[in-house]
C-alpha atoms as a PDB file:
ATOM      1  CA  MET A   1     -25.098  -7.689  26.397  1.00  0.00           C
ATOM      2  CA  THR A   2     -22.670  -5.126  23.662  1.00  0.00           C
ATOM      3  CA  ASP A   3     -23.665  -2.286  21.930  1.00  0.00           C
ATOM      4  CA  ALA A   4     -23.484  -2.771  18.079  1.00  0.00           C
ATOM      5  CA  SER A   5     -23.373   0.634  17.875  1.00  0.00           C
ATOM      6  CA  ALA A   6     -20.783   1.482  19.520  1.00  0.00           C
ATOM      7  CA  PRO A   7     -17.602   2.456  17.669  1.00  0.00           C
ATOM      8  CA  LEU A   8     -14.721  -0.138  17.680  1.00  0.00           C
ATOM      9  CA  SER A   9     -11.406   1.068  19.664  1.00  0.00           C
ATOM     10  CA  PHE A  10      -8.584   1.613  17.469  1.00  0.00           C
ATOM     11  CA  TYR A  11      -7.234  -1.827  18.942  1.00  0.00           C
ATOM     12  CA  ASP A  12     -10.005  -3.849  18.048  1.00  0.00           C
ATOM     13  CA  GLU A  13      -9.798  -2.215  14.249  1.00  0.00           C
ATOM     14  CA  ILE A  14      -6.079  -3.443  13.412  1.00  0.00           C
ATOM     15  CA  GLY A  15      -6.302  -7.155  15.050  1.00  0.00           C
ATOM     16  CA  GLY A  16      -6.343  -6.761  18.867  1.00  0.00           C
ATOM     17  CA  HIS A  17      -4.460  -8.537  20.460  1.00  0.00           C
ATOM     18  CA  GLU A  18      -2.601 -10.364  17.937  1.00  0.00           C
ATOM     19  CA  THR A  19      -2.050  -7.445  15.921  1.00  0.00           C
ATOM     20  CA  PHE A  20       0.530  -5.833  18.738  1.00  0.00           C
ATOM     21  CA  ALA A  21       1.732  -8.962  19.802  1.00  0.00           C
ATOM     22  CA  THR A  22       3.035  -9.411  16.687  1.00  0.00           C
ATOM     23  CA  LEU A  23       4.194  -5.804  16.773  1.00  0.00           C
ATOM     24  CA  VAL A  24       6.217  -5.939  20.422  1.00  0.00           C
ATOM     25  CA  ALA A  25       8.087  -9.656  18.793  1.00  0.00           C
ATOM     26  CA  ALA A  26       9.237  -8.086  15.761  1.00  0.00           C
ATOM     27  CA  PHE A  27      10.209  -4.892  17.772  1.00  0.00           C
ATOM     28  CA  TYR A  28      12.133  -7.001  20.240  1.00  0.00           C
ATOM     29  CA  ARG A  29      14.004  -9.224  17.463  1.00  0.00           C
ATOM     30  CA  GLY A  30      15.441  -5.544  16.159  1.00  0.00           C
ATOM     31  CA  VAL A  31      16.710  -4.608  19.985  1.00  0.00           C
ATOM     32  CA  ALA A  32      18.212  -8.025  20.636  1.00  0.00           C
ATOM     33  CA  ASP A  33      20.819  -7.160  18.454  1.00  0.00           C
ATOM     34  CA  ASP A  34      21.576  -3.617  18.860  1.00  0.00           C
ATOM     35  CA  GLU A  35      24.525  -1.887  20.430  1.00  0.00           C
ATOM     36  CA  VAL A  36      22.998   1.357  21.942  1.00  0.00           C
ATOM     37  CA  LEU A  37      19.716  -0.536  23.030  1.00  0.00           C
ATOM     38  CA  ARG A  38      20.428  -3.743  24.134  1.00  0.00           C
ATOM     39  CA  PRO A  39      22.087  -2.327  27.354  1.00  0.00           C
ATOM     40  CA  MET A  40      18.841  -0.186  28.026  1.00  0.00           C
ATOM     41  CA  TYR A  41      17.182  -3.365  28.987  1.00  0.00           C
ATOM     42  CA  PRO A  42      18.413  -4.997  32.327  1.00  0.00           C
ATOM     43  CA  GLU A  43      16.948  -8.791  32.258  1.00  0.00           C
ATOM     44  CA  GLU A  44      18.791 -10.896  30.215  1.00  0.00           C
ATOM     45  CA  ASP A  45      15.610 -12.450  28.249  1.00  0.00           C
ATOM     46  CA  LEU A  46      14.092  -9.824  27.086  1.00  0.00           C
ATOM     47  CA  GLY A  47      10.821 -11.297  27.181  1.00  0.00           C
ATOM     48  CA  PRO A  48       9.598  -9.547  30.778  1.00  0.00           C
ATOM     49  CA  ALA A  49      10.154  -6.242  28.983  1.00  0.00           C
ATOM     50  CA  GLU A  50       8.278  -7.499  25.665  1.00  0.00           C
ATOM     51  CA  GLU A  51       5.076  -8.432  27.979  1.00  0.00           C
ATOM     52  CA  ARG A  52       5.430  -4.331  29.291  1.00  0.00           C
ATOM     53  CA  LEU A  53       5.481  -3.009  26.708  1.00  0.00           C
ATOM     54  CA  LEU A  54       2.749  -4.892  25.131  1.00  0.00           C
ATOM     55  CA  MET A  55       0.674  -4.726  28.251  1.00  0.00           C
ATOM     56  CA  PHE A  56       1.300  -0.786  27.919  1.00  0.00           C
ATOM     57  CA  LEU A  57       0.346  -0.870  24.139  1.00  0.00           C
ATOM     58  CA  GLU A  58      -2.791  -2.816  24.213  1.00  0.00           C
ATOM     59  CA  GLN A  59      -3.982  -0.288  26.854  1.00  0.00           C
ATOM     60  CA  TYR A  60      -3.430   2.642  25.711  1.00  0.00           C
ATOM     61  CA  TRP A  61      -5.053   1.587  22.370  1.00  0.00           C
ATOM     62  CA  GLY A  62      -8.214   0.584  23.848  1.00  0.00           C
ATOM     63  CA  GLY A  63      -7.713  -3.517  25.324  1.00  0.00           C
ATOM     64  CA  PRO A  64      -7.088  -4.597  28.451  1.00  0.00           C
ATOM     65  CA  THR A  65      -6.303  -2.563  31.066  1.00  0.00           C
ATOM     66  CA  THR A  66      -4.055  -5.212  32.465  1.00  0.00           C
ATOM     67  CA  TYR A  67      -0.778  -3.160  32.540  1.00  0.00           C
ATOM     68  CA  SER A  68      -2.449  -0.358  35.022  1.00  0.00           C
ATOM     69  CA  GLN A  69      -3.697  -3.363  37.078  1.00  0.00           C
ATOM     70  CA  ARG A  70       0.080  -4.786  37.472  1.00  0.00           C
ATOM     71  CA  ARG A  71       2.212  -1.705  37.211  1.00  0.00           C
ATOM     72  CA  GLY A  72      -0.002   1.088  38.331  1.00  0.00           C
ATOM     73  CA  HIS A  73       0.177   4.552  36.344  1.00  0.00           C
ATOM     74  CA  PRO A  74       2.730   4.244  33.157  1.00  0.00           C
ATOM     75  CA  ARG A  75       4.370   7.291  34.004  1.00  0.00           C
ATOM     76  CA  LEU A  76       7.024   6.909  30.905  1.00  0.00           C
ATOM     77  CA  ARG A  77       9.674   9.539  31.299  1.00  0.00           C
ATOM     78  CA  MET A  78      10.072   8.984  34.823  1.00  0.00           C
ATOM     79  CA  ARG A  79      10.866   4.897  34.280  1.00  0.00           C
ATOM     80  CA  HIS A  80      13.229   6.543  31.308  1.00  0.00           C
ATOM     81  CA  ALA A  81      15.336   8.850  33.631  1.00  0.00           C
ATOM     82  CA  PRO A  82      17.689   6.292  34.598  1.00  0.00           C
ATOM     83  CA  PHE A  83      18.076   5.408  31.134  1.00  0.00           C
ATOM     84  CA  HIS A  84      21.009   8.142  28.377  1.00  0.00           C
ATOM     85  CA  VAL A  85      18.569   8.170  26.059  1.00  0.00           C
ATOM     86  CA  ASN A  86      19.870  10.682  23.106  1.00  0.00           C
ATOM     87  CA  PRO A  87      18.975  11.588  19.951  1.00  0.00           C
ATOM     88  CA  GLU A  88      21.059   7.993  18.186  1.00  0.00           C
ATOM     89  CA  ALA A  89      19.053   5.839  20.825  1.00  0.00           C
ATOM     90  CA  ARG A  90      15.336   7.356  19.710  1.00  0.00           C
ATOM     91  CA  ASP A  91      16.463   7.009  16.807  1.00  0.00           C
ATOM     92  CA  ARG A  92      17.722   3.407  16.878  1.00  0.00           C
ATOM     93  CA  TRP A  93      14.105   2.633  18.853  1.00  0.00           C
ATOM     94  CA  LEU A  94      12.414   4.106  15.603  1.00  0.00           C
ATOM     95  CA  ALA A  95      14.228   2.167  13.231  1.00  0.00           C
ATOM     96  CA  HIS A  96      13.173  -1.038  14.792  1.00  0.00           C
ATOM     97  CA  MET A  97       9.792  -0.116  15.589  1.00  0.00           C
ATOM     98  CA  ARG A  98       9.136   0.814  12.207  1.00  0.00           C
ATOM     99  CA  ALA A  99      10.174  -2.397  10.675  1.00  0.00           C
ATOM    100  CA  ALA A 100       7.783  -4.107  13.297  1.00  0.00           C
ATOM    101  CA  VAL A 101       4.967  -1.968  12.201  1.00  0.00           C
ATOM    102  CA  ASP A 102       5.834  -2.311   8.201  1.00  0.00           C
ATOM    103  CA  GLU A 103       5.251  -5.973   8.964  1.00  0.00           C
ATOM    104  CA  LEU A 104       1.752  -5.261  10.193  1.00  0.00           C
ATOM    105  CA  GLU A 105       0.807  -3.831   6.455  1.00  0.00           C
ATOM    106  CA  LEU A 106      -2.322  -1.772   8.195  1.00  0.00           C
ATOM    107  CA  SER A 107      -4.295   0.050   6.158  1.00  0.00           C
ATOM    108  CA  PRO A 108      -2.925   3.195   5.442  1.00  0.00           C
ATOM    109  CA  LEU A 109      -4.619   5.599   8.366  1.00  0.00           C
ATOM    110  CA  HIS A 110      -4.415   3.095  10.644  1.00  0.00           C
ATOM    111  CA  ASP A 111      -0.444   2.643  10.089  1.00  0.00           C
ATOM    112  CA  THR A 112      -0.295   6.794  10.370  1.00  0.00           C
ATOM    113  CA  THR A 113      -2.335   6.768  13.401  1.00  0.00           C
ATOM    114  CA  LEU A 114       0.453   3.946  14.535  1.00  0.00           C
ATOM    115  CA  TRP A 115       3.415   5.487  13.474  1.00  0.00           C
ATOM    116  CA  ASP A 116       2.653   9.104  14.841  1.00  0.00           C
ATOM    117  CA  TYR A 117       2.085   8.014  18.256  1.00  0.00           C
ATOM    118  CA  LEU A 118       5.580   5.895  18.286  1.00  0.00           C
ATOM    119  CA  GLN A 119       7.223   9.010  16.918  1.00  0.00           C
ATOM    120  CA  ARG A 120       5.634  11.361  19.698  1.00  0.00           C
ATOM    121  CA  ALA A 121       6.525   8.577  22.073  1.00  0.00           C
ATOM    122  CA  ALA A 122      10.248   8.529  21.213  1.00  0.00           C
ATOM    123  CA  HIS A 123      11.072  12.070  20.687  1.00  0.00           C
ATOM    124  CA  ALA A 124       9.386  12.766  24.164  1.00  0.00           C
ATOM    125  CA  MET A 125      11.809  10.059  25.986  1.00  0.00           C
ATOM    126  CA  VAL A 126      15.197  11.883  24.848  1.00  0.00           C
ATOM    127  CA  ASN A 127      16.506  12.800  27.991  1.00  0.00           C
ATOM    128  CA  THR A 128      20.437  13.934  26.538  1.00  0.00           C
ATOM    129  CA  PHE A 129      22.190  14.963  24.153  1.00  0.00           C
ATOM    130  CA  GLU A 130      24.996  13.627  24.944  1.00  0.00           C
ATOM    131  CA  PRO A 131      27.058  10.704  22.723  1.00  0.00           C
ATOM    132  CA  SER A 132      28.345   8.710  24.856  1.00  0.00           C
ATOM    133  CA  GLY A 133      27.113   6.855  28.320  1.00  0.00           C
ATOM    134  CA  ILE A 134      24.209   4.978  26.759  1.00  0.00           C
ATOM    135  CA  GLY A 135      22.357   2.024  29.014  1.00  0.00           C
ATOM    136  CA  PRO A 136      21.667   2.771  32.343  1.00  0.00           C
ATOM    137  CA  ALA A 137      23.904   5.045  34.775  1.00  0.00           C
ATOM    138  CA  ALA A 138      26.034   3.363  36.983  1.00  0.00           C
ATOM    139  CA  GLY A 139      24.924   1.872  39.707  1.00  0.00           C
ATOM    140  CA  SER A 140      21.299   2.995  38.856  1.00  0.00           C
ATOM    141  CA  ARG A 141      19.583  -0.589  37.218  1.00  0.00           C
ATOM    142  CA  PRO A 142      16.259  -0.872  37.500  1.00  0.00           C
ATOM    143  CA  ALA A 143      14.212  -4.097  38.135  1.00  0.00           C
ATOM    144  CA  ALA A 144      12.182  -3.512  34.683  1.00  0.00           C
ATOM    145  CA  GLY A 145      12.991  -2.090  31.817  1.00  0.00           C
ATOM    146  CA  PRO A 146      11.324   1.206  29.725  1.00  0.00           C
ATOM    147  CA  ASP A 147       7.673   1.219  28.544  1.00  0.00           C
ATOM    148  CA  LEU A 148       6.299   3.692  26.426  1.00  0.00           C
ATOM    149  CA  THR A 149       3.619   6.024  28.020  1.00  0.00           C
ATOM    150  CA  VAL A 150       3.483   9.515  26.909  1.00  0.00           C
ATOM    151  CA  ARG A 151       2.923  11.867  29.690  1.00  0.00           C
ATOM    152  CA  PRO A 152       3.367  15.757  29.998  1.00  0.00           C
ATOM    153  CA  ALA A 153       7.020  16.477  30.604  1.00  0.00           C
ATOM    154  CA  THR A 154       6.799  18.700  34.328  1.00  0.00           C
ATOM    155  CA  GLY A 155      10.827  19.712  33.455  1.00  0.00           C
ATOM    156  CA  PRO A 156      13.947  18.352  31.982  1.00  0.00           C
ATOM    157  CA  ALA A 157      14.452  14.706  32.907  1.00  0.00           C
ATOM    158  CA  ARG A 158      18.213  13.346  34.257  1.00  0.00           C
ATOM    159  CA  PRO A 159      19.506  10.072  33.533  1.00  0.00           C
END
């Protein structure tokens, strides 16, 4: 039995699974043809990365906890450390995500709330200011592509 007086989670307020699935699918449509971001995803098919991001965002915003059940703690900075994430990569990521958020046509409050988080997450992932070498560091392609979990930095990340 559910408590009717309990506030809805952000996940529920904006439409739950369908809304987040739409967001993530729109985002990866942009990433698929991006010459800077696409090399950061080792799988030929972006499907596994799309699934990981969807699970993470759903969990972060109050939906199912499938991400942690399957992958453990998100450890965002650690998972992105092998990648050359410079301001250009961040800005491209944000451009694709902004287009995806716009497709949702959320209320201004929900749009601002989601966008604030996504901007903070993207800025937190920058681990270099060098303009070249974008993509996985030589010989260190991880088994899974990046996901988005913000954790406080414990020191400078190195690719």
